[in-house]
Amino acid sequence: MTDYLDNTPISWGTEIINGFVPSQYKNQTEFLHPPEFSKIPMFEGTVKEALLRKLSDPLGYDLSFDKLVEQKYQKGKPIVFVVDDYT
């Protein structure tokens, strides 16, 4: 079972998402929360809906995340998701 870091919240409108970074990245991850952007909604809908939209075409080339990983993944290397709300 994977342990996750506490106190790494990201706000999405009125939702707070926490405990999503694996603890093995404790000293390798930095979180920036610019206060001027933290409460401005960047997408419509829920986090789930926005994530599903982005996974269906993450780079804007009509290439789904599954196909992108299939083409670019090197066995044995970790995959890291970086979510950016364009702030």
PDB file of N, CA and C in Angstrom:
ATOM      1  N   MET A   1       0.835  -1.181   0.000  1.00  0.00           N
ATOM      2  CA  MET A   1       0.000   0.000   0.000  1.00  0.00           C
ATOM      3  C   MET A   1       0.886   1.252   0.000  1.00  0.00           C
ATOM      4  N   THR A   2       0.517   2.226  -0.775  1.00  0.00           N
ATOM      5  CA  THR A   2       1.294   3.455  -0.892  1.00  0.00           C
ATOM      6  C   THR A   2       0.908   4.434   0.206  1.00  0.00           C
ATOM      7  N   ASP A   3       1.908   5.032   0.850  1.00  0.00           N
ATOM      8  CA  ASP A   3       1.670   6.118   1.796  1.00  0.00           C
ATOM      9  C   ASP A   3       1.688   7.420   1.017  1.00  0.00           C
ATOM     10  N   TYR A   4       0.824   8.356   1.425  1.00  0.00           N
ATOM     11  CA  TYR A   4       0.730   9.631   0.734  1.00  0.00           C
ATOM     12  C   TYR A   4       1.076  10.771   1.673  1.00  0.00           C
ATOM     13  N   LEU A   5       1.622  11.836   1.117  1.00  0.00           N
ATOM     14  CA  LEU A   5       1.955  13.010   1.907  1.00  0.00           C
ATOM     15  C   LEU A   5       0.684  13.710   2.359  1.00  0.00           C
ATOM     16  N   ASP A   6       0.682  14.187   3.591  1.00  0.00           N
ATOM     17  CA  ASP A   6      -0.410  15.018   4.093  1.00  0.00           C
ATOM     18  C   ASP A   6      -0.062  16.475   3.822  1.00  0.00           C
ATOM     19  N   ASN A   7      -1.044  17.314   3.968  1.00  0.00           N
ATOM     20  CA  ASN A   7      -0.846  18.749   3.864  1.00  0.00           C
ATOM     21  C   ASN A   7      -0.286  19.178   2.513  1.00  0.00           C
ATOM     22  N   THR A   8      -0.837  18.635   1.451  1.00  0.00           N
ATOM     23  CA  THR A   8      -0.493  19.067   0.091  1.00  0.00           C
ATOM     24  C   THR A   8      -1.779  19.398  -0.658  1.00  0.00           C
ATOM     25  N   PRO A   9      -2.627  20.246  -0.069  1.00  0.00           N
ATOM     26  CA  PRO A   9      -3.940  20.472  -0.674  1.00  0.00           C
ATOM     27  C   PRO A   9      -3.896  21.341  -1.924  1.00  0.00           C
ATOM     28  N   ILE A  10      -4.803  21.040  -2.811  1.00  0.00           N
ATOM     29  CA  ILE A  10      -5.048  21.862  -3.990  1.00  0.00           C
ATOM     30  C   ILE A  10      -6.528  22.203  -3.962  1.00  0.00           C
ATOM     31  N   SER A  11      -6.860  23.471  -4.142  1.00  0.00           N
ATOM     32  CA  SER A  11      -8.274  23.850  -4.148  1.00  0.00           C
ATOM     33  C   SER A  11      -8.793  23.863  -5.572  1.00  0.00           C
ATOM     34  N   TRP A  12     -10.042  23.425  -5.726  1.00  0.00           N
ATOM     35  CA  TRP A  12     -10.729  23.416  -7.017  1.00  0.00           C
ATOM     36  C   TRP A  12     -12.121  23.961  -6.742  1.00  0.00           C
ATOM     37  N   GLY A  13     -12.292  25.256  -6.911  1.00  0.00           N
ATOM     38  CA  GLY A  13     -13.556  25.863  -6.528  1.00  0.00           C
ATOM     39  C   GLY A  13     -13.762  25.693  -5.034  1.00  0.00           C
ATOM     40  N   THR A  14     -14.811  24.969  -4.657  1.00  0.00           N
ATOM     41  CA  THR A  14     -15.081  24.733  -3.241  1.00  0.00           C
ATOM     42  C   THR A  14     -14.514  23.408  -2.757  1.00  0.00           C
ATOM     43  N   GLU A  15     -13.924  22.606  -3.655  1.00  0.00           N
ATOM     44  CA  GLU A  15     -13.364  21.310  -3.269  1.00  0.00           C
ATOM     45  C   GLU A  15     -11.900  21.453  -2.866  1.00  0.00           C
ATOM     46  N   ILE A  16     -11.479  20.657  -1.895  1.00  0.00           N
ATOM     47  CA  ILE A  16     -10.074  20.573  -1.502  1.00  0.00           C
ATOM     48  C   ILE A  16      -9.621  19.141  -1.734  1.00  0.00           C
ATOM     49  N   ILE A  17      -8.547  18.966  -2.483  1.00  0.00           N
ATOM     50  CA  ILE A  17      -8.005  17.641  -2.772  1.00  0.00           C
ATOM     51  C   ILE A  17      -6.692  17.531  -2.006  1.00  0.00           C
ATOM     52  N   ASN A  18      -6.539  16.464  -1.236  1.00  0.00           N
ATOM     53  CA  ASN A  18      -5.351  16.312  -0.403  1.00  0.00           C
ATOM     54  C   ASN A  18      -4.913  14.857  -0.397  1.00  0.00           C
ATOM     55  N   GLY A  19      -3.690  14.616   0.019  1.00  0.00           N
ATOM     56  CA  GLY A  19      -3.197  13.250   0.172  1.00  0.00           C
ATOM     57  C   GLY A  19      -3.063  12.504  -1.140  1.00  0.00           C
ATOM     58  N   PHE A  20      -2.528  13.151  -2.168  1.00  0.00           N
ATOM     59  CA  PHE A  20      -2.434  12.512  -3.483  1.00  0.00           C
ATOM     60  C   PHE A  20      -1.006  12.311  -3.965  1.00  0.00           C
ATOM     61  N   VAL A  21      -0.017  12.836  -3.244  1.00  0.00           N
ATOM     62  CA  VAL A  21       1.381  12.698  -3.656  1.00  0.00           C
ATOM     63  C   VAL A  21       2.018  11.545  -2.889  1.00  0.00           C
ATOM     64  N   PRO A  22       2.521  10.521  -3.581  1.00  0.00           N
ATOM     65  CA  PRO A  22       3.181   9.409  -2.883  1.00  0.00           C
ATOM     66  C   PRO A  22       4.336   9.908  -2.014  1.00  0.00           C
ATOM     67  N   SER A  23       4.445   9.370  -0.802  1.00  0.00           N
ATOM     68  CA  SER A  23       5.440   9.854   0.162  1.00  0.00           C
ATOM     69  C   SER A  23       6.875   9.668  -0.314  1.00  0.00           C
ATOM     70  N   GLN A  24       7.111   8.778  -1.266  1.00  0.00           N
ATOM     71  CA  GLN A  24       8.477   8.594  -1.772  1.00  0.00           C
ATOM     72  C   GLN A  24       9.011   9.852  -2.448  1.00  0.00           C
ATOM     73  N   TYR A  25       8.124  10.778  -2.827  1.00  0.00           N
ATOM     74  CA  TYR A  25       8.543  12.019  -3.475  1.00  0.00           C
ATOM     75  C   TYR A  25       8.638  13.180  -2.488  1.00  0.00           C
ATOM     76  N   LYS A  26       8.665  12.878  -1.184  1.00  0.00           N
ATOM     77  CA  LYS A  26       8.636  13.903  -0.144  1.00  0.00           C
ATOM     78  C   LYS A  26       9.663  15.011  -0.362  1.00  0.00           C
ATOM     79  N   ASN A  27      10.878  14.673  -0.647  1.00  0.00           N
ATOM     80  CA  ASN A  27      11.935  15.673  -0.786  1.00  0.00           C
ATOM     81  C   ASN A  27      12.209  16.052  -2.236  1.00  0.00           C
ATOM     82  N   GLN A  28      11.345  15.614  -3.151  1.00  0.00           N
ATOM     83  CA  GLN A  28      11.557  15.882  -4.569  1.00  0.00           C
ATOM     84  C   GLN A  28      10.434  16.706  -5.178  1.00  0.00           C
ATOM     85  N   THR A  29       9.489  17.124  -4.358  1.00  0.00           N
ATOM     86  CA  THR A  29       8.298  17.791  -4.872  1.00  0.00           C
ATOM     87  C   THR A  29       8.118  19.133  -4.183  1.00  0.00           C
ATOM     88  N   GLU A  30       7.762  20.133  -4.963  1.00  0.00           N
ATOM     89  CA  GLU A  30       7.495  21.451  -4.409  1.00  0.00           C
ATOM     90  C   GLU A  30       6.115  21.892  -4.882  1.00  0.00           C
ATOM     91  N   PHE A  31       5.339  22.446  -3.969  1.00  0.00           N
ATOM     92  CA  PHE A  31       4.003  22.916  -4.295  1.00  0.00           C
ATOM     93  C   PHE A  31       3.963  24.427  -4.173  1.00  0.00           C
ATOM     94  N   LEU A  32       3.484  25.077  -5.199  1.00  0.00           N
ATOM     95  CA  LEU A  32       3.346  26.524  -5.189  1.00  0.00           C
ATOM     96  C   LEU A  32       1.868  26.865  -5.227  1.00  0.00           C
ATOM     97  N   HIS A  33       1.442  27.722  -4.335  1.00  0.00           N
ATOM     98  CA  HIS A  33       0.037  28.119  -4.270  1.00  0.00           C
ATOM     99  C   HIS A  33      -0.050  29.642  -4.314  1.00  0.00           C
ATOM    100  N   PRO A  34       0.051  30.242  -5.503  1.00  0.00           N
ATOM    101  CA  PRO A  34      -0.038  31.699  -5.583  1.00  0.00           C
ATOM    102  C   PRO A  34      -1.404  32.169  -5.095  1.00  0.00           C
ATOM    103  N   PRO A  35      -1.473  32.979  -4.047  1.00  0.00           N
ATOM    104  CA  PRO A  35      -2.766  33.355  -3.475  1.00  0.00           C
ATOM    105  C   PRO A  35      -3.673  34.101  -4.437  1.00  0.00           C
ATOM    106  N   GLU A  36      -3.100  34.867  -5.363  1.00  0.00           N
ATOM    107  CA  GLU A  36      -3.943  35.637  -6.281  1.00  0.00           C
ATOM    108  C   GLU A  36      -4.698  34.757  -7.271  1.00  0.00           C
ATOM    109  N   PHE A  37      -4.268  33.498  -7.452  1.00  0.00           N
ATOM    110  CA  PHE A  37      -4.937  32.601  -8.382  1.00  0.00           C
ATOM    111  C   PHE A  37      -5.666  31.456  -7.699  1.00  0.00           C
ATOM    112  N   SER A  38      -5.415  31.219  -6.437  1.00  0.00           N
ATOM    113  CA  SER A  38      -5.878  29.984  -5.804  1.00  0.00           C
ATOM    114  C   SER A  38      -7.391  29.850  -5.731  1.00  0.00           C
ATOM    115  N   LYS A  39      -8.128  30.938  -5.769  1.00  0.00           N
ATOM    116  CA  LYS A  39      -9.589  30.852  -5.657  1.00  0.00           C
ATOM    117  C   LYS A  39     -10.315  31.130  -6.968  1.00  0.00           C
ATOM    118  N   ILE A  40      -9.583  31.383  -8.035  1.00  0.00           N
ATOM    119  CA  ILE A  40     -10.213  31.660  -9.327  1.00  0.00           C
ATOM    120  C   ILE A  40     -10.452  30.346 -10.058  1.00  0.00           C
ATOM    121  N   PRO A  41     -11.728  30.016 -10.358  1.00  0.00           N
ATOM    122  CA  PRO A  41     -11.975  28.763 -11.082  1.00  0.00           C
ATOM    123  C   PRO A  41     -11.435  28.849 -12.505  1.00  0.00           C
ATOM    124  N   MET A  42     -10.672  27.832 -12.914  1.00  0.00           N
ATOM    125  CA  MET A  42     -10.070  27.833 -14.234  1.00  0.00           C
ATOM    126  C   MET A  42     -10.828  26.956 -15.220  1.00  0.00           C
ATOM    127  N   PHE A  43     -11.641  26.042 -14.720  1.00  0.00           N
ATOM    128  CA  PHE A  43     -12.398  25.147 -15.575  1.00  0.00           C
ATOM    129  C   PHE A  43     -13.821  25.055 -15.065  1.00  0.00           C
ATOM    130  N   GLU A  44     -14.728  24.742 -15.937  1.00  0.00           N
ATOM    131  CA  GLU A  44     -16.108  24.508 -15.547  1.00  0.00           C
ATOM    132  C   GLU A  44     -16.279  23.066 -15.120  1.00  0.00           C
ATOM    133  N   GLY A  45     -17.208  22.807 -14.233  1.00  0.00           N
ATOM    134  CA  GLY A  45     -17.515  21.440 -13.830  1.00  0.00           C
ATOM    135  C   GLY A  45     -16.666  20.969 -12.665  1.00  0.00           C
ATOM    136  N   THR A  46     -16.715  19.676 -12.431  1.00  0.00           N
ATOM    137  CA  THR A  46     -15.996  19.076 -11.314  1.00  0.00           C
ATOM    138  C   THR A  46     -14.564  18.727 -11.712  1.00  0.00           C
ATOM    139  N   VAL A  47     -13.763  18.394 -10.726  1.00  0.00           N
ATOM    140  CA  VAL A  47     -12.396  17.953 -10.990  1.00  0.00           C
ATOM    141  C   VAL A  47     -12.410  16.720 -11.883  1.00  0.00           C
ATOM    142  N   LYS A  48     -13.312  15.782 -11.589  1.00  0.00           N
ATOM    143  CA  LYS A  48     -13.398  14.546 -12.373  1.00  0.00           C
ATOM    144  C   LYS A  48     -13.699  14.844 -13.839  1.00  0.00           C
ATOM    145  N   GLU A  49     -14.665  15.730 -14.090  1.00  0.00           N
ATOM    146  CA  GLU A  49     -15.024  16.062 -15.471  1.00  0.00           C
ATOM    147  C   GLU A  49     -13.853  16.719 -16.210  1.00  0.00           C
ATOM    148  N   ALA A  50     -13.167  17.637 -15.541  1.00  0.00           N
ATOM    149  CA  ALA A  50     -12.034  18.313 -16.176  1.00  0.00           C
ATOM    150  C   ALA A  50     -10.891  17.345 -16.452  1.00  0.00           C
ATOM    151  N   LEU A  51     -10.632  16.435 -15.502  1.00  0.00           N
ATOM    152  CA  LEU A  51      -9.565  15.454 -15.700  1.00  0.00           C
ATOM    153  C   LEU A  51      -9.891  14.529 -16.862  1.00  0.00           C
ATOM    154  N   LEU A  52     -11.129  14.075 -16.954  1.00  0.00           N
ATOM    155  CA  LEU A  52     -11.522  13.199 -18.062  1.00  0.00           C
ATOM    156  C   LEU A  52     -11.394  13.910 -19.403  1.00  0.00           C
ATOM    157  N   ARG A  53     -11.760  15.202 -19.446  1.00  0.00           N
ATOM    158  CA  ARG A  53     -11.598  15.969 -20.690  1.00  0.00           C
ATOM    159  C   ARG A  53     -10.125  16.051 -21.072  1.00  0.00           C
ATOM    160  N   LYS A  54      -9.268  16.323 -20.097  1.00  0.00           N
ATOM    161  CA  LYS A  54      -7.842  16.480 -20.382  1.00  0.00           C
ATOM    162  C   LYS A  54      -7.195  15.158 -20.758  1.00  0.00           C
ATOM    163  N   LEU A  55      -7.597  14.059 -20.113  1.00  0.00           N
ATOM    164  CA  LEU A  55      -7.025  12.753 -20.437  1.00  0.00           C
ATOM    165  C   LEU A  55      -7.405  12.290 -21.833  1.00  0.00           C
ATOM    166  N   SER A  56      -8.543  12.763 -22.339  1.00  0.00           N
ATOM    167  CA  SER A  56      -8.967  12.351 -23.675  1.00  0.00           C
ATOM    168  C   SER A  56      -8.097  12.987 -24.763  1.00  0.00           C
ATOM    169  N   ASP A  57      -7.433  14.097 -24.456  1.00  0.00           N
ATOM    170  CA  ASP A  57      -6.555  14.759 -25.425  1.00  0.00           C
ATOM    171  C   ASP A  57      -5.610  15.700 -24.678  1.00  0.00           C
ATOM    172  N   PRO A  58      -4.623  15.170 -23.949  1.00  0.00           N
ATOM    173  CA  PRO A  58      -3.801  15.994 -23.066  1.00  0.00           C
ATOM    174  C   PRO A  58      -2.932  17.036 -23.754  1.00  0.00           C
ATOM    175  N   LEU A  59      -2.527  16.797 -24.974  1.00  0.00           N
ATOM    176  CA  LEU A  59      -1.622  17.729 -25.652  1.00  0.00           C
ATOM    177  C   LEU A  59      -2.273  18.513 -26.777  1.00  0.00           C
ATOM    178  N   GLY A  60      -3.531  18.224 -27.057  1.00  0.00           N
ATOM    179  CA  GLY A  60      -4.220  18.943 -28.120  1.00  0.00           C
ATOM    180  C   GLY A  60      -3.954  18.411 -29.512  1.00  0.00           C
ATOM    181  N   TYR A  61      -3.537  17.158 -29.632  1.00  0.00           N
ATOM    182  CA  TYR A  61      -3.238  16.563 -30.935  1.00  0.00           C
ATOM    183  C   TYR A  61      -4.141  15.383 -31.252  1.00  0.00           C
ATOM    184  N   ASP A  62      -5.331  15.337 -30.652  1.00  0.00           N
ATOM    185  CA  ASP A  62      -6.257  14.213 -30.842  1.00  0.00           C
ATOM    186  C   ASP A  62      -5.588  12.885 -30.512  1.00  0.00           C
ATOM    187  N   LEU A  63      -4.787  12.872 -29.467  1.00  0.00           N
ATOM    188  CA  LEU A  63      -4.085  11.682 -29.014  1.00  0.00           C
ATOM    189  C   LEU A  63      -4.411  11.499 -27.537  1.00  0.00           C
ATOM    190  N   SER A  64      -5.117  10.419 -27.196  1.00  0.00           N
ATOM    191  CA  SER A  64      -5.526  10.202 -25.809  1.00  0.00           C
ATOM    192  C   SER A  64      -4.317   9.925 -24.927  1.00  0.00           C
ATOM    193  N   PHE A  65      -4.502  10.082 -23.620  1.00  0.00           N
ATOM    194  CA  PHE A  65      -3.421   9.810 -22.674  1.00  0.00           C
ATOM    195  C   PHE A  65      -2.945   8.373 -22.799  1.00  0.00           C
ATOM    196  N   ASP A  66      -3.881   7.428 -22.952  1.00  0.00           N
ATOM    197  CA  ASP A  66      -3.511   6.018 -23.106  1.00  0.00           C
ATOM    198  C   ASP A  66      -2.576   5.818 -24.296  1.00  0.00           C
ATOM    199  N   LYS A  67      -2.916   6.412 -25.425  1.00  0.00           N
ATOM    200  CA  LYS A  67      -2.087   6.269 -26.630  1.00  0.00           C
ATOM    201  C   LYS A  67      -0.743   6.979 -26.461  1.00  0.00           C
ATOM    202  N   LEU A  68      -0.759   8.121 -25.800  1.00  0.00           N
ATOM    203  CA  LEU A  68       0.474   8.855 -25.555  1.00  0.00           C
ATOM    204  C   LEU A  68       1.438   8.024 -24.709  1.00  0.00           C
ATOM    205  N   VAL A  69       0.939   7.420 -23.630  1.00  0.00           N
ATOM    206  CA  VAL A  69       1.773   6.570 -22.770  1.00  0.00           C
ATOM    207  C   VAL A  69       2.259   5.354 -23.546  1.00  0.00           C
ATOM    208  N   GLU A  70       1.361   4.768 -24.339  1.00  0.00           N
ATOM    209  CA  GLU A  70       1.727   3.589 -25.137  1.00  0.00           C
ATOM    210  C   GLU A  70       2.897   3.904 -26.073  1.00  0.00           C
ATOM    211  N   GLN A  71       2.891   5.105 -26.658  1.00  0.00           N
ATOM    212  CA  GLN A  71       3.946   5.485 -27.601  1.00  0.00           C
ATOM    213  C   GLN A  71       5.240   5.919 -26.919  1.00  0.00           C
ATOM    214  N   LYS A  72       5.141   6.548 -25.740  1.00  0.00           N
ATOM    215  CA  LYS A  72       6.311   7.184 -25.128  1.00  0.00           C
ATOM    216  C   LYS A  72       6.863   6.480 -23.898  1.00  0.00           C
ATOM    217  N   TYR A  73       6.096   5.603 -23.251  1.00  0.00           N
ATOM    218  CA  TYR A  73       6.509   4.996 -21.984  1.00  0.00           C
ATOM    219  C   TYR A  73       7.704   4.070 -22.152  1.00  0.00           C
ATOM    220  N   GLN A  74       8.656   4.188 -21.254  1.00  0.00           N
ATOM    221  CA  GLN A  74       9.798   3.280 -21.212  1.00  0.00           C
ATOM    222  C   GLN A  74       9.637   2.403 -19.981  1.00  0.00           C
ATOM    223  N   LYS A  75       9.586   1.109 -20.167  1.00  0.00           N
ATOM    224  CA  LYS A  75       9.353   0.164 -19.084  1.00  0.00           C
ATOM    225  C   LYS A  75      10.316   0.400 -17.920  1.00  0.00           C
ATOM    226  N   GLY A  76       9.759   0.403 -16.720  1.00  0.00           N
ATOM    227  CA  GLY A  76      10.560   0.567 -15.516  1.00  0.00           C
ATOM    228  C   GLY A  76      10.717   2.000 -15.039  1.00  0.00           C
ATOM    229  N   LYS A  77      10.281   2.967 -15.825  1.00  0.00           N
ATOM    230  CA  LYS A  77      10.397   4.369 -15.424  1.00  0.00           C
ATOM    231  C   LYS A  77       9.061   4.848 -14.863  1.00  0.00           C
ATOM    232  N   PRO A  78       9.097   5.711 -13.839  1.00  0.00           N
ATOM    233  CA  PRO A  78       7.842   6.193 -13.252  1.00  0.00           C
ATOM    234  C   PRO A  78       7.137   7.174 -14.180  1.00  0.00           C
ATOM    235  N   ILE A  79       5.832   7.235 -14.043  1.00  0.00           N
ATOM    236  CA  ILE A  79       5.021   8.221 -14.750  1.00  0.00           C
ATOM    237  C   ILE A  79       4.516   9.195 -13.703  1.00  0.00           C
ATOM    238  N   VAL A  80       4.710  10.473 -13.933  1.00  0.00           N
ATOM    239  CA  VAL A  80       4.285  11.498 -12.995  1.00  0.00           C
ATOM    240  C   VAL A  80       3.254  12.383 -13.680  1.00  0.00           C
ATOM    241  N   PHE A  81       2.124  12.572 -13.040  1.00  0.00           N
ATOM    242  CA  PHE A  81       1.094  13.476 -13.541  1.00  0.00           C
ATOM    243  C   PHE A  81       1.369  14.863 -12.988  1.00  0.00           C
ATOM    244  N   VAL A  82       1.365  15.847 -13.840  1.00  0.00           N
ATOM    245  CA  VAL A  82       1.484  17.227 -13.406  1.00  0.00           C
ATOM    246  C   VAL A  82       0.235  17.937 -13.894  1.00  0.00           C
ATOM    247  N   VAL A  83      -0.524  18.475 -12.969  1.00  0.00           N
ATOM    248  CA  VAL A  83      -1.756  19.169 -13.319  1.00  0.00           C
ATOM    249  C   VAL A  83      -1.489  20.659 -13.213  1.00  0.00           C
ATOM    250  N   ASP A  84      -1.746  21.366 -14.281  1.00  0.00           N
ATOM    251  CA  ASP A  84      -1.493  22.798 -14.329  1.00  0.00           C
ATOM    252  C   ASP A  84      -2.779  23.491 -14.729  1.00  0.00           C
ATOM    253  N   ASP A  85      -3.183  24.487 -13.943  1.00  0.00           N
ATOM    254  CA  ASP A  85      -4.418  25.199 -14.269  1.00  0.00           C
ATOM    255  C   ASP A  85      -4.142  26.493 -15.035  1.00  0.00           C
ATOM    256  N   TYR A  86      -2.996  26.568 -15.690  1.00  0.00           N
ATOM    257  CA  TYR A  86      -2.600  27.697 -16.533  1.00  0.00           C
ATOM    258  C   TYR A  86      -2.402  28.990 -15.761  1.00  0.00           C
ATOM    259  N   THR A  87      -2.136  28.908 -14.456  1.00  0.00           N
ATOM    260  CA  THR A  87      -1.923  30.152 -13.711  1.00  0.00           C
ATOM    261  C   THR A  87      -0.480  30.517 -13.778  1.00  0.00           C
TER     262      THR A  87
END
